[in-house]
């Protein structure tokens, strides 16, 4: 490589490093606070009681609602997602909170 190419590559590296530094200093900081205007979902995989099919549990933490879908085998080797139910989990969270408070008081 000739000197001109080396200088051009060095200048390009300096420019890219400067752009990376500026982007790092000006990007917004991460926030540990949830944005409650947007849906927040938690998904868990498992099995339903009494079933051998895989089940996906989807919890909307803003509305405290849980939906479950089961992956059922179909003909020709294909599988199908079958909704199995929706549940309001607000009462469940209240029970867990009460149990934790009772355990802390002991």
Protein backbone atom coordinates (compact mmCIF):
# COMPACT_ATOMS: atom_id res chain seq x y z
CA UNK A 1 0.00 0.00 0.00
CA UNK A 2 1.21 3.46 -0.73
CA UNK A 3 1.34 6.28 1.82
CA UNK A 4 -1.70 7.99 0.42
CA UNK A 5 -3.92 4.93 1.00
CA UNK A 6 -2.58 4.44 4.53
CA UNK A 7 -3.29 8.09 5.38
CA UNK A 8 -6.80 7.86 3.94
CA UNK A 9 -7.55 4.73 5.97
CA UNK A 10 -6.14 6.32 9.12
CA UNK A 11 -8.30 9.41 8.58
CA UNK A 12 -11.34 7.22 8.03
CA UNK A 13 -10.63 5.33 11.27
CA UNK A 14 -10.31 8.60 13.20
CA UNK A 15 -13.60 9.86 11.73
CA UNK A 16 -15.40 6.62 12.59
CA UNK A 17 -13.99 6.66 16.13
CA UNK A 18 -15.16 10.26 16.58
CA UNK A 19 -18.65 9.38 15.31
CA UNK A 20 -18.79 6.44 17.72
CA UNK A 21 -17.71 8.63 20.64
CA UNK A 22 -20.32 11.28 19.82
CA UNK A 23 -23.05 8.65 19.48
CA UNK A 24 -22.06 7.13 22.82
CA UNK A 25 -22.17 10.43 24.68
CA UNK A 26 -25.36 11.74 23.13
CA UNK A 27 -27.51 8.59 23.23
CA UNK A 28 -30.23 8.52 25.88
CA UNK A 29 -29.47 6.72 29.11
CA UNK A 30 -31.18 3.46 29.92
CA UNK A 31 -34.14 3.79 32.23
CA UNK A 32 -35.24 1.22 34.77
CA UNK A 33 -38.74 2.67 34.78
CA UNK A 34 -41.37 0.95 32.69
CA UNK A 35 -43.21 2.97 30.08
CA UNK A 36 -46.82 2.20 30.92
CA UNK A 37 -48.10 3.71 27.68
CA UNK A 38 -46.75 0.73 25.76
CA UNK A 39 -47.72 -2.89 26.23
CA UNK A 40 -45.32 -4.92 28.35
CA UNK A 41 -45.41 -8.69 27.82
CA UNK A 42 -43.86 -11.61 29.62
CA UNK A 43 -43.81 -14.98 27.85
CA UNK A 44 -43.19 -18.33 29.50
CA UNK A 45 -43.02 -21.75 27.88
CA UNK A 46 -44.20 -24.88 29.63
CA UNK A 47 -46.79 -27.62 29.62
CA UNK A 48 -50.43 -27.47 30.63
CA UNK A 49 -51.48 -29.76 33.45
CA UNK A 50 -52.76 -33.03 31.99
CA UNK A 51 -51.40 -32.32 28.51
CA UNK A 52 -48.30 -33.42 26.63
CA UNK A 53 -48.41 -30.45 24.23
CA UNK A 54 -46.17 -27.43 24.65
CA UNK A 55 -47.91 -24.34 26.01
CA UNK A 56 -46.96 -20.67 25.75
CA UNK A 57 -48.18 -18.39 28.53
CA UNK A 58 -48.33 -14.69 27.58
CA UNK A 59 -48.83 -12.15 30.40
CA UNK A 60 -49.71 -8.51 29.71
CA UNK A 61 -48.24 -6.82 32.79
CA UNK A 62 -50.09 -3.55 32.20
CA UNK A 63 -53.52 -5.17 32.26
CA UNK A 64 -52.62 -8.13 34.51
CA UNK A 65 -54.08 -10.53 31.96
CA UNK A 66 -52.70 -13.91 30.96
CA UNK A 67 -53.38 -15.84 27.78
CA UNK A 68 -52.23 -19.35 27.01
CA UNK A 69 -51.82 -21.00 23.64
CA UNK A 70 -51.02 -24.66 23.03
CA UNK A 71 -48.97 -26.06 20.17
CA UNK A 72 -51.00 -28.97 18.81
CA UNK A 73 -49.78 -31.47 16.20
CA UNK A 74 -51.80 -31.61 13.00
CA UNK A 75 -51.81 -33.77 9.95
CA UNK A 76 -48.93 -33.76 7.47
CA UNK A 77 -46.40 -32.91 10.19
CA UNK A 78 -47.65 -29.35 10.65
CA UNK A 79 -48.45 -27.81 14.01
CA UNK A 80 -51.15 -25.35 15.01
CA UNK A 81 -51.36 -22.77 17.82
CA UNK A 82 -54.64 -23.26 19.68
CA UNK A 83 -55.79 -20.59 22.19
CA UNK A 84 -56.62 -22.32 25.46
CA UNK A 85 -57.75 -19.51 27.71
CA UNK A 86 -57.54 -16.00 29.10
CA UNK A 87 -57.33 -15.16 32.80
CA UNK A 88 -57.20 -12.03 34.96
CA UNK A 89 -54.17 -12.52 37.23
CA UNK A 90 -54.68 -9.46 39.46
CA UNK A 91 -55.95 -11.65 42.31
CA UNK A 92 -52.97 -13.98 41.91
CA UNK A 93 -50.54 -11.08 42.33
CA UNK A 94 -52.44 -9.91 45.42
CA UNK A 95 -52.14 -13.38 47.00
CA UNK A 96 -48.41 -13.55 46.31
CA UNK A 97 -47.90 -10.08 47.81
CA UNK A 98 -49.87 -11.05 50.93
CA UNK A 99 -47.86 -14.26 51.31
CA UNK A 100 -44.57 -12.35 51.07
CA UNK A 101 -45.66 -9.83 53.66
CA UNK A 102 -46.72 -12.60 56.03
CA UNK A 103 -43.36 -14.33 55.58
CA UNK A 104 -41.48 -11.09 56.28
CA UNK A 105 -43.37 -10.54 59.54
CA UNK A 106 -42.30 -13.91 60.95
